[in-house]
Protein backbone atom coordinates (compact mmCIF):
# COMPACT_ATOMS: atom_id res chain seq x y z
CA UNK A 1 -0.72 3.61 5.20
CA UNK A 2 -0.24 0.45 7.27
CA UNK A 3 -3.58 -1.36 8.00
CA UNK A 4 -4.41 -2.95 11.22
CA UNK A 5 -6.80 -5.75 10.45
CA UNK A 6 -9.14 -7.19 13.19
CA UNK A 7 -9.37 -10.93 14.00
CA UNK A 8 -9.94 -13.06 10.84
CA UNK A 9 -13.67 -13.59 10.17
CA UNK A 10 -14.72 -17.08 9.22
CA UNK A 11 -17.02 -17.68 6.17
CA UNK A 12 -18.71 -20.95 6.29
CA UNK A 13 -20.92 -20.59 3.07
CA UNK A 14 -19.61 -22.38 -0.01
CA UNK A 15 -21.35 -19.60 -2.22
CA UNK A 16 -18.24 -17.45 -2.71
CA UNK A 17 -17.62 -17.60 -6.36
CA UNK A 18 -18.26 -14.04 -7.63
CA UNK A 19 -16.99 -11.21 -9.78
CA UNK A 20 -14.26 -8.98 -8.16
CA UNK A 21 -15.92 -5.76 -6.85
CA UNK A 22 -18.90 -7.71 -5.69
CA UNK A 23 -20.53 -7.14 -2.36
CA UNK A 24 -22.46 -9.32 0.13
CA UNK A 25 -24.41 -8.77 3.18
CA UNK A 26 -23.76 -11.18 6.12
CA UNK A 27 -26.78 -13.56 5.55
CA UNK A 28 -27.17 -17.30 5.08
CA UNK A 29 -26.63 -18.36 2.34
CA UNK A 30 -24.12 -15.76 1.38
CA UNK A 31 -25.22 -14.01 -1.80
CA UNK A 32 -22.72 -11.59 -3.64
CA UNK A 33 -24.18 -8.62 -5.66
CA UNK A 34 -22.39 -7.51 -8.56
CA UNK A 35 -24.48 -4.56 -9.35
CA UNK A 36 -23.09 -1.55 -7.20
CA UNK A 37 -26.18 0.47 -6.99
CA UNK A 38 -28.39 -2.48 -6.31
CA UNK A 39 -26.29 -3.40 -3.23
CA UNK A 40 -26.14 0.43 -2.18
CA UNK A 41 -29.90 0.23 -1.90
CA UNK A 42 -29.59 -2.68 0.41
CA UNK A 43 -26.75 -1.43 2.34
CA UNK A 44 -28.39 0.71 5.01
CA UNK A 45 -27.31 2.92 7.94
CA UNK A 46 -28.02 -0.06 10.22
CA UNK A 47 -25.60 -2.36 8.27
CA UNK A 48 -22.79 -3.13 10.50
CA UNK A 49 -20.58 -4.73 7.98
CA UNK A 50 -20.41 -6.61 4.74
CA UNK A 51 -18.16 -8.79 2.59
CA UNK A 52 -16.27 -7.58 -0.50
CA UNK A 53 -14.80 -9.60 -3.18
CA UNK A 54 -11.43 -8.41 -4.66
CA UNK A 55 -8.49 -9.71 -6.46
CA UNK A 56 -6.07 -11.99 -4.73
CA UNK A 57 -3.58 -10.02 -2.52
CA UNK A 58 -5.45 -6.86 -2.89
CA UNK A 59 -7.32 -6.85 0.30
CA UNK A 60 -4.79 -4.68 1.98
CA UNK A 61 -4.85 -2.19 -0.76
CA UNK A 62 -8.67 -1.81 -0.62
CA UNK A 63 -8.38 -1.25 2.94
CA UNK A 64 -5.61 1.21 2.82
CA UNK A 65 -7.45 3.23 0.03
CA UNK A 66 -10.56 3.67 2.22
CA UNK A 67 -8.65 4.76 5.33
CA UNK A 68 -6.59 7.21 3.25
CA UNK A 69 -9.88 8.61 2.16
CA UNK A 70 -11.14 8.88 5.56
CA UNK A 71 -7.71 10.56 6.66
CA UNK A 72 -8.33 13.12 3.99
CA UNK A 73 -11.88 13.56 5.17
CA UNK A 74 -10.81 13.86 8.77
CA UNK A 75 -13.42 11.05 9.71
CA UNK A 76 -13.16 10.92 13.54
CA UNK A 77 -13.88 7.17 13.86
CA UNK A 78 -12.32 5.00 11.05
CA UNK A 79 -13.80 2.03 9.33
CA UNK A 80 -12.32 -1.39 10.25
CA UNK A 81 -11.47 -4.40 8.15
CA UNK A 82 -10.90 -8.21 8.71
CA UNK A 83 -9.34 -10.72 6.59
CA UNK A 84 -11.39 -13.84 6.12
CA UNK A 85 -10.55 -17.54 5.40
CA UNK A 86 -11.05 -16.68 1.63
CA UNK A 87 -8.09 -14.97 0.36
CA UNK A 88 -10.22 -12.72 -2.15
CA UNK A 89 -12.84 -11.86 0.31
CA UNK A 90 -12.53 -8.86 3.01
CA UNK A 91 -14.86 -8.16 5.72
CA UNK A 92 -15.57 -4.50 6.02
CA UNK A 93 -17.08 -2.49 8.80
CA UNK A 94 -17.93 0.97 7.35
CA UNK A 95 -17.63 4.12 9.69
CA UNK A 96 -20.66 5.84 10.69
CA UNK A 97 -19.81 8.68 8.42
CA UNK A 98 -20.58 6.50 5.53
CA UNK A 99 -23.47 4.49 6.96
CA UNK A 100 -25.47 7.75 7.89
CA UNK A 101 -25.99 9.14 4.37
CA UNK A 102 -27.48 7.24 1.49
CA UNK A 103 -25.45 9.44 -1.02
CA UNK A 104 -22.18 8.48 0.91
CA UNK A 105 -23.06 4.96 0.87
CA UNK A 106 -23.48 4.98 -2.87
CA UNK A 107 -20.01 6.76 -3.23
CA UNK A 108 -18.40 4.23 -0.83
CA UNK A 109 -19.29 1.35 -3.18
CA UNK A 110 -17.42 3.17 -5.82
CA UNK A 111 -14.31 3.74 -3.76
CA UNK A 112 -14.15 0.16 -2.64
CA UNK A 113 -13.64 -0.79 -6.28
CA UNK A 114 -11.24 1.99 -6.82
CA UNK A 115 -9.21 0.60 -4.04
CA UNK A 116 -8.52 -2.72 -5.95
CA UNK A 117 -6.05 -1.07 -8.17
CA UNK A 118 -4.49 1.14 -5.44
CA UNK A 119 -0.79 0.56 -4.92
CA UNK A 120 0.17 0.54 -1.34
CA UNK A 121 4.04 0.90 -2.24
CA UNK A 122 3.81 4.01 -4.43
CA UNK A 123 0.59 5.22 -2.51
CA UNK A 124 -0.80 6.53 -5.88
CA UNK A 125 -3.99 7.82 -4.27
CA UNK A 126 -4.85 10.57 -6.59
CA UNK A 127 -4.17 8.52 -9.86
CA UNK A 128 -6.22 5.63 -8.38
CA UNK A 129 -9.15 7.80 -7.41
CA UNK A 130 -9.41 9.76 -10.72
CA UNK A 131 -9.32 6.78 -13.02
CA UNK A 132 -12.10 4.83 -11.50
CA UNK A 133 -14.90 4.68 -14.26
CA UNK A 134 -17.58 5.91 -12.06
CA UNK A 135 -15.44 8.81 -10.66
CA UNK A 136 -14.43 10.01 -14.03
CA UNK A 137 -17.95 11.54 -15.00
CA UNK A 138 -18.44 12.65 -11.52
CA UNK A 139 -14.93 14.27 -10.84
CA UNK A 140 -16.10 17.74 -9.93
CA UNK A 141 -18.41 16.48 -7.20
CA UNK A 142 -15.71 13.98 -6.00
CA UNK A 143 -13.39 16.96 -5.58
CA UNK A 144 -15.96 19.01 -3.76
CA UNK A 145 -16.64 16.09 -1.50
CA UNK A 146 -12.97 15.52 -0.74
CA UNK A 147 -12.54 18.96 0.22
CA UNK A 148 -14.95 18.61 3.08
CA UNK A 149 -18.40 19.33 1.44
CA UNK A 150 -19.74 15.98 2.39
CA UNK A 151 -23.32 16.89 3.60
CA UNK A 152 -25.81 15.93 0.64
CA UNK A 153 -28.79 18.21 0.46
CA UNK A 154 -29.83 17.51 -3.13
CA UNK A 155 -32.88 15.71 -4.48
CA UNK A 156 -33.85 12.38 -2.64
CA UNK A 157 -32.03 9.41 -4.13
CA UNK A 158 -34.12 6.87 -5.78
CA UNK A 159 -34.87 3.31 -4.71
CA UNK A 160 -33.82 -0.12 -6.05
CA UNK A 161 -36.86 -0.07 -8.41
CA UNK A 162 -35.37 2.57 -10.41
CA UNK A 163 -31.54 2.16 -10.48
CA UNK A 164 -31.12 4.68 -13.26
CA UNK A 165 -32.21 7.51 -10.71
CA UNK A 166 -30.44 6.27 -7.75
CA UNK A 167 -26.89 6.95 -6.51
CA UNK A 168 -23.83 8.99 -6.78
CA UNK A 169 -23.33 8.65 -10.43
CA UNK A 170 -26.81 9.45 -11.50
CA UNK A 171 -26.97 12.61 -9.23
CA UNK A 172 -23.77 13.97 -10.34
CA UNK A 173 -22.84 12.76 -13.93
CA UNK A 174 -22.30 15.57 -16.24
CA UNK A 175 -23.71 18.23 -13.75
CA UNK A 176 -22.62 21.95 -13.87
CA UNK A 177 -20.51 23.22 -10.83
CA UNK A 178 -23.25 25.41 -9.60
CA UNK A 179 -25.54 22.35 -9.25
CA UNK A 180 -22.82 20.19 -7.34
CA UNK A 181 -22.22 23.14 -4.94
CA UNK A 182 -25.91 23.30 -4.25
CA UNK A 183 -26.09 19.54 -3.57
CA UNK A 184 -22.96 19.20 -1.64
CA UNK A 185 -22.40 21.56 1.25
CA UNK A 186 -19.90 21.69 4.28
CA UNK A 187 -21.31 20.19 7.48
CA UNK A 188 -20.55 22.14 10.72
CA UNK A 189 -17.17 20.32 11.21
CA UNK A 190 -14.06 21.77 9.77
CA UNK A 191 -13.51 21.14 6.14
CA UNK A 192 -10.90 18.74 5.01
CA UNK A 193 -7.42 20.21 4.04
CA UNK A 194 -6.61 20.84 0.23
CA UNK A 195 -4.86 17.70 -0.88
CA UNK A 196 -5.10 18.07 -4.60
CA UNK A 197 -3.87 20.72 -7.11
CA UNK A 198 -7.10 21.90 -8.29
CA UNK A 199 -8.88 25.29 -8.50
CA UNK A 200 -10.62 26.57 -5.32
CA UNK A 201 -13.79 26.96 -7.24
CA UNK A 202 -15.29 23.56 -6.00
CA UNK A 203 -14.13 23.69 -2.56
CA UNK A 204 -14.69 27.13 -1.11
C-alpha cells in the first residue's frame, strides 16, 4: 500500500534520542516514552497526534502497516502520517476509530511497533502481525478484533498507577475464547471481511 504523507513536520526539540518503538506527545520539551502501556494511559481520545520513533527508513512501513490494518477493518476515515526533519521519527495522527476507545488505543501502540518490521515490498502483513511479541499471547483476541468485533465491553482497563492490570495484553493474555467473545463484540457497522485462514469460531 502506497502511503501519502502530509507536509513534513518540524521538530525543534533536541531531545530526540530514544529507543525505537518509543512514543512522544507534542509537548515542550519533547519526552519520549519507551513503556508502551504508560504511554497508552497518557494517550487519550483528545490526543490529535504524537511522534513515533522507528528504525531508519522504516517510517513508510509503519504507516503502511497501520493503513492496511484500517483497510481490513473498514475504518471510514483513516489515520494520517507526516515525516519529520528527523529520519527516525514519524508524526502520527490516529483515526477517531482508535482514539475513541481505551482498549483500541492500547492495541494501536502494539500495532505501531509491529509495523517496524513490515516489508512493503512483499506485503507480509499476516506474518508481521502474528510475530509481534505482545500479539502472540493475545492472538485469539486479535483475530476476533480483525474480523470486525472491535467494540470492547469487558472490564474497565486500569490506570497508569497499575500497569499490570491495564491494556490489551493484560486483558486478553491467556484468556479462553468464551471470555474473548464476551469482551469483544461487533458494533452496528458491518463486520470486516475474512482476511485470514482461521476457523470461524472467533469471528462469528
